Amino acid sequence: MHYSAAGVTGSATPLTGATPAVGTATGATPAVRGEGGPRRVRLAVSRIDPWSAMKLGFLLAVAIGIMTVVATAVVWYVLDGMQVFFKIEELFTQVVGTETDVDIQQYVAFGRVISIATLLGVVNVVIITALSTIMAFLYNIVAALVGGVHLTLTDD
């Protein structure tokens, strides 16, 4: 393995139990072992671009909205396959009587449930996009006062 760091060039041999020859007659460079550990860099996140936060928030919200609609469809099909809606309507008829005009299956029809899930998804897209942008502005204000979030990154 060959490396170059800060203008110094050398070669490193993997530590497999055998000790490499150091300073042999052929002019080989000494083996360098990673005894210093991984490099560490301390950084501070001092500003978040609100436009970038808005775009990322929008895309994540759209993904969450699609997952909500798909999950709603899956749950509805599972409940319908288990005859849950029919059993609830049957129980309601036993409790209230046959003279009622309430049709539970009308309220939990697939089209109606998916429409409500889609509407909630669209509302969530608007809310999440707005909140992510507002949170980026608030973070920038607070980071200007306290210096931001400090991170320590290592290369393992």
C-alpha atoms as a PDB file:
ATOM      1  CA  MET A   1       0.000   0.000   0.000  1.00  0.00           C
ATOM      2  CA  HIS A   2       1.443   3.383  -0.971  1.00  0.00           C
ATOM      3  CA  TYR A   3       0.398   6.665   0.593  1.00  0.00           C
ATOM      4  CA  SER A   4       1.272  10.327   0.467  1.00  0.00           C
ATOM      5  CA  ALA A   5       0.384  12.752   3.205  1.00  0.00           C
ATOM      6  CA  ALA A   6       1.669  16.297   3.734  1.00  0.00           C
ATOM      7  CA  GLY A   7       4.450  15.858   1.216  1.00  0.00           C
ATOM      8  CA  VAL A   8       5.848  12.717   2.861  1.00  0.00           C
ATOM      9  CA  THR A   9       5.783   9.565   0.787  1.00  0.00           C
ATOM     10  CA  GLY A  10       6.173   6.087   2.183  1.00  0.00           C
ATOM     11  CA  SER A  11       4.787   2.579   2.049  1.00  0.00           C
ATOM     12  CA  ALA A  12       2.753   0.708   4.581  1.00  0.00           C
ATOM     13  CA  THR A  13       2.653  -3.027   4.897  1.00  0.00           C
ATOM     14  CA  PRO A  14      -0.298  -4.842   6.390  1.00  0.00           C
ATOM     15  CA  LEU A  15       0.275  -6.165   9.880  1.00  0.00           C
ATOM     16  CA  THR A  16      -0.035  -9.920   9.414  1.00  0.00           C
ATOM     17  CA  GLY A  17       2.163 -11.052  12.248  1.00  0.00           C
ATOM     18  CA  ALA A  18       5.475 -10.895  10.355  1.00  0.00           C
ATOM     19  CA  THR A  19       7.708  -7.920  11.053  1.00  0.00           C
ATOM     20  CA  PRO A  20       8.839  -6.249   7.836  1.00  0.00           C
ATOM     21  CA  ALA A  21      12.494  -5.545   7.280  1.00  0.00           C
ATOM     22  CA  VAL A  22      13.345  -1.953   8.082  1.00  0.00           C
ATOM     23  CA  GLY A  23      16.210  -0.218   6.270  1.00  0.00           C
ATOM     24  CA  THR A  24      17.346  -3.161   4.152  1.00  0.00           C
ATOM     25  CA  ALA A  25      20.259  -2.988   1.763  1.00  0.00           C
ATOM     26  CA  THR A  26      17.967  -2.444  -1.230  1.00  0.00           C
ATOM     27  CA  GLY A  27      17.026   0.996   0.044  1.00  0.00           C
ATOM     28  CA  ALA A  28      13.422   0.214   1.058  1.00  0.00           C
ATOM     29  CA  THR A  29      11.648   2.838   3.121  1.00  0.00           C
ATOM     30  CA  PRO A  30      10.685   1.938   6.658  1.00  0.00           C
ATOM     31  CA  ALA A  31       7.252   0.419   7.168  1.00  0.00           C
ATOM     32  CA  VAL A  32       4.729   2.764   8.692  1.00  0.00           C
ATOM     33  CA  ARG A  33       2.067   1.367  10.958  1.00  0.00           C
ATOM     34  CA  GLY A  34      -1.167   3.204  11.697  1.00  0.00           C
ATOM     35  CA  GLU A  35      -0.260   3.808  15.348  1.00  0.00           C
ATOM     36  CA  GLY A  36      -1.549   7.365  15.317  1.00  0.00           C
ATOM     37  CA  GLY A  37      -5.158   6.237  14.939  1.00  0.00           C
ATOM     38  CA  PRO A  38      -7.767   7.746  12.671  1.00  0.00           C
ATOM     39  CA  ARG A  39      -7.675  11.409  11.699  1.00  0.00           C
ATOM     40  CA  ARG A  40     -10.172  13.619  13.459  1.00  0.00           C
ATOM     41  CA  VAL A  41     -11.612  16.856  12.145  1.00  0.00           C
ATOM     42  CA  ARG A  42     -13.728  19.182  14.251  1.00  0.00           C
ATOM     43  CA  LEU A  43     -16.324  21.099  12.225  1.00  0.00           C
ATOM     44  CA  ALA A  44     -19.207  23.417  13.015  1.00  0.00           C
ATOM     45  CA  VAL A  45     -22.498  23.609  11.117  1.00  0.00           C
ATOM     46  CA  SER A  46     -23.003  27.344  11.282  1.00  0.00           C
ATOM     47  CA  ARG A  47     -25.683  27.843   8.600  1.00  0.00           C
ATOM     48  CA  ILE A  48     -28.326  25.813   6.769  1.00  0.00           C
ATOM     49  CA  ASP A  49     -29.523  27.154   3.438  1.00  0.00           C
ATOM     50  CA  PRO A  50     -33.334  27.587   3.732  1.00  0.00           C
ATOM     51  CA  TRP A  51     -33.856  26.903   0.012  1.00  0.00           C
ATOM     52  CA  SER A  52     -31.978  23.608   0.326  1.00  0.00           C
ATOM     53  CA  ALA A  53     -33.928  22.697   3.465  1.00  0.00           C
ATOM     54  CA  MET A  54     -37.193  23.472   1.666  1.00  0.00           C
ATOM     55  CA  LYS A  55     -36.314  21.264  -1.314  1.00  0.00           C
ATOM     56  CA  LEU A  56     -35.201  18.397   0.912  1.00  0.00           C
ATOM     57  CA  GLY A  57     -38.264  18.766   3.139  1.00  0.00           C
ATOM     58  CA  PHE A  58     -40.542  18.779   0.099  1.00  0.00           C
ATOM     59  CA  LEU A  59     -39.026  15.626  -1.389  1.00  0.00           C
ATOM     60  CA  LEU A  60     -39.118  13.775   1.929  1.00  0.00           C
ATOM     61  CA  ALA A  61     -42.721  14.887   2.483  1.00  0.00           C
ATOM     62  CA  VAL A  62     -43.737  13.619  -0.964  1.00  0.00           C
ATOM     63  CA  ALA A  63     -42.111  10.270  -0.168  1.00  0.00           C
ATOM     64  CA  ILE A  64     -43.937  10.121   3.169  1.00  0.00           C
ATOM     65  CA  GLY A  65     -47.213  11.029   1.424  1.00  0.00           C
ATOM     66  CA  ILE A  66     -46.795   8.221  -1.108  1.00  0.00           C
ATOM     67  CA  MET A  67     -45.972   5.779   1.693  1.00  0.00           C
ATOM     68  CA  THR A  68     -49.084   6.915   3.578  1.00  0.00           C
ATOM     69  CA  VAL A  69     -51.371   6.247   0.598  1.00  0.00           C
ATOM     70  CA  VAL A  70     -49.770   2.859  -0.123  1.00  0.00           C
ATOM     71  CA  ALA A  71     -49.896   1.825   3.545  1.00  0.00           C
ATOM     72  CA  THR A  72     -53.546   2.876   3.750  1.00  0.00           C
ATOM     73  CA  ALA A  73     -54.380   0.755   0.702  1.00  0.00           C
ATOM     74  CA  VAL A  74     -52.548  -2.258   2.140  1.00  0.00           C
ATOM     75  CA  VAL A  75     -54.268  -1.956   5.519  1.00  0.00           C
ATOM     76  CA  TRP A  76     -57.667  -1.504   3.852  1.00  0.00           C
ATOM     77  CA  TYR A  77     -57.183  -4.625   1.700  1.00  0.00           C
ATOM     78  CA  VAL A  78     -56.076  -6.658   4.729  1.00  0.00           C
ATOM     79  CA  LEU A  79     -59.074  -5.535   6.786  1.00  0.00           C
ATOM     80  CA  ASP A  80     -61.435  -6.148   3.879  1.00  0.00           C
ATOM     81  CA  GLY A  81     -59.944  -9.584   3.292  1.00  0.00           C
ATOM     82  CA  MET A  82     -60.503 -10.437   6.953  1.00  0.00           C
ATOM     83  CA  GLN A  83     -64.163  -9.326   6.625  1.00  0.00           C
ATOM     84  CA  VAL A  84     -63.720  -6.744   9.407  1.00  0.00           C
ATOM     85  CA  PHE A  85     -65.990  -4.154   7.789  1.00  0.00           C
ATOM     86  CA  PHE A  86     -68.759  -6.706   7.271  1.00  0.00           C
ATOM     87  CA  LYS A  87     -68.504  -7.894  10.896  1.00  0.00           C
ATOM     88  CA  ILE A  88     -68.624  -4.319  12.214  1.00  0.00           C
ATOM     89  CA  GLU A  89     -71.734  -3.639  10.148  1.00  0.00           C
ATOM     90  CA  GLU A  90     -73.284  -6.887  11.361  1.00  0.00           C
ATOM     91  CA  LEU A  91     -72.562  -5.953  15.002  1.00  0.00           C
ATOM     92  CA  PHE A  92     -74.000  -2.471  14.450  1.00  0.00           C
ATOM     93  CA  THR A  93     -77.185  -3.980  13.000  1.00  0.00           C
ATOM     94  CA  GLN A  94     -77.536  -6.291  16.016  1.00  0.00           C
ATOM     95  CA  VAL A  95     -77.101  -3.414  18.478  1.00  0.00           C
ATOM     96  CA  VAL A  96     -79.281  -0.796  16.765  1.00  0.00           C
ATOM     97  CA  GLY A  97     -81.701  -3.028  14.895  1.00  0.00           C
ATOM     98  CA  THR A  98     -82.649  -3.534  11.271  1.00  0.00           C
ATOM     99  CA  GLU A  99     -84.632  -0.296  10.986  1.00  0.00           C
ATOM    100  CA  THR A 100     -81.447   1.836  10.745  1.00  0.00           C
ATOM    101  CA  ASP A 101     -80.352   3.339   7.427  1.00  0.00           C
ATOM    102  CA  VAL A 102     -76.659   3.504   8.376  1.00  0.00           C
ATOM    103  CA  ASP A 103     -74.387   1.658   5.954  1.00  0.00           C
ATOM    104  CA  ILE A 104     -70.910   1.230   7.456  1.00  0.00           C
ATOM    105  CA  GLN A 105     -69.499  -0.121   4.188  1.00  0.00           C
ATOM    106  CA  GLN A 106     -70.413   3.154   2.484  1.00  0.00           C
ATOM    107  CA  TYR A 107     -68.218   5.099   4.926  1.00  0.00           C
ATOM    108  CA  VAL A 108     -65.218   2.782   4.610  1.00  0.00           C
ATOM    109  CA  ALA A 109     -65.355   2.276   0.835  1.00  0.00           C
ATOM    110  CA  PHE A 110     -61.927   1.973  -0.776  1.00  0.00           C
ATOM    111  CA  GLY A 111     -62.278   5.117  -2.877  1.00  0.00           C
ATOM    112  CA  ARG A 112     -63.283   7.226   0.093  1.00  0.00           C
ATOM    113  CA  VAL A 113     -60.480   5.935   2.310  1.00  0.00           C
ATOM    114  CA  ILE A 114     -57.829   6.470  -0.378  1.00  0.00           C
ATOM    115  CA  SER A 115     -59.178   9.966  -1.089  1.00  0.00           C
ATOM    116  CA  ILE A 116     -58.864  10.883   2.579  1.00  0.00           C
ATOM    117  CA  ALA A 117     -55.339   9.410   2.724  1.00  0.00           C
ATOM    118  CA  THR A 118     -54.353  11.397  -0.386  1.00  0.00           C
ATOM    119  CA  LEU A 119     -55.786  14.595   1.073  1.00  0.00           C
ATOM    120  CA  LEU A 120     -53.864  14.032   4.315  1.00  0.00           C
ATOM    121  CA  GLY A 121     -50.715  13.353   2.297  1.00  0.00           C
ATOM    122  CA  VAL A 122     -51.057  16.632   0.396  1.00  0.00           C
ATOM    123  CA  VAL A 123     -51.695  18.572   3.611  1.00  0.00           C
ATOM    124  CA  ASN A 124     -48.630  16.905   5.178  1.00  0.00           C
ATOM    125  CA  VAL A 125     -46.492  17.884   2.162  1.00  0.00           C
ATOM    126  CA  VAL A 126     -47.434  21.535   2.631  1.00  0.00           C
ATOM    127  CA  ILE A 127     -46.925  21.439   6.413  1.00  0.00           C
ATOM    128  CA  ILE A 128     -43.609  19.553   6.352  1.00  0.00           C
ATOM    129  CA  THR A 129     -42.209  21.771   3.590  1.00  0.00           C
ATOM    130  CA  ALA A 130     -43.159  24.933   5.486  1.00  0.00           C
ATOM    131  CA  LEU A 131     -41.838  23.615   8.808  1.00  0.00           C
ATOM    132  CA  SER A 132     -38.501  22.539   7.338  1.00  0.00           C
ATOM    133  CA  THR A 133     -37.992  25.997   5.852  1.00  0.00           C
ATOM    134  CA  ILE A 134     -38.983  27.754   9.073  1.00  0.00           C
ATOM    135  CA  MET A 135     -36.718  25.449  11.093  1.00  0.00           C
ATOM    136  CA  ALA A 136     -33.780  26.300   8.798  1.00  0.00           C
ATOM    137  CA  PHE A 137     -34.372  30.022   9.405  1.00  0.00           C
ATOM    138  CA  LEU A 138     -34.638  29.447  13.167  1.00  0.00           C
ATOM    139  CA  TYR A 139     -31.469  27.344  13.179  1.00  0.00           C
ATOM    140  CA  ASN A 140     -29.587  30.101  11.355  1.00  0.00           C
ATOM    141  CA  ILE A 141     -30.704  32.681  13.920  1.00  0.00           C
ATOM    142  CA  VAL A 142     -29.737  30.485  16.868  1.00  0.00           C
ATOM    143  CA  ALA A 143     -26.452  29.419  15.235  1.00  0.00           C
ATOM    144  CA  ALA A 144     -25.517  33.074  14.773  1.00  0.00           C
ATOM    145  CA  LEU A 145     -25.898  33.518  18.534  1.00  0.00           C
ATOM    146  CA  VAL A 146     -24.221  30.339  19.832  1.00  0.00           C
ATOM    147  CA  GLY A 147     -21.971  29.250  16.973  1.00  0.00           C
ATOM    148  CA  GLY A 148     -23.854  26.286  15.570  1.00  0.00           C
ATOM    149  CA  VAL A 149     -23.539  22.561  16.131  1.00  0.00           C
ATOM    150  CA  HIS A 150     -19.983  21.254  16.528  1.00  0.00           C
ATOM    151  CA  LEU A 151     -19.165  17.882  14.975  1.00  0.00           C
ATOM    152  CA  THR A 152     -16.108  15.676  15.169  1.00  0.00           C
ATOM    153  CA  LEU A 153     -15.579  13.577  12.049  1.00  0.00           C
ATOM    154  CA  THR A 154     -13.142  10.665  11.791  1.00  0.00           C
ATOM    155  CA  ASP A 155     -11.940   8.560   8.905  1.00  0.00           C
ATOM    156  CA  ASP A 156     -11.924   4.955  10.076  1.00  0.00           C
END
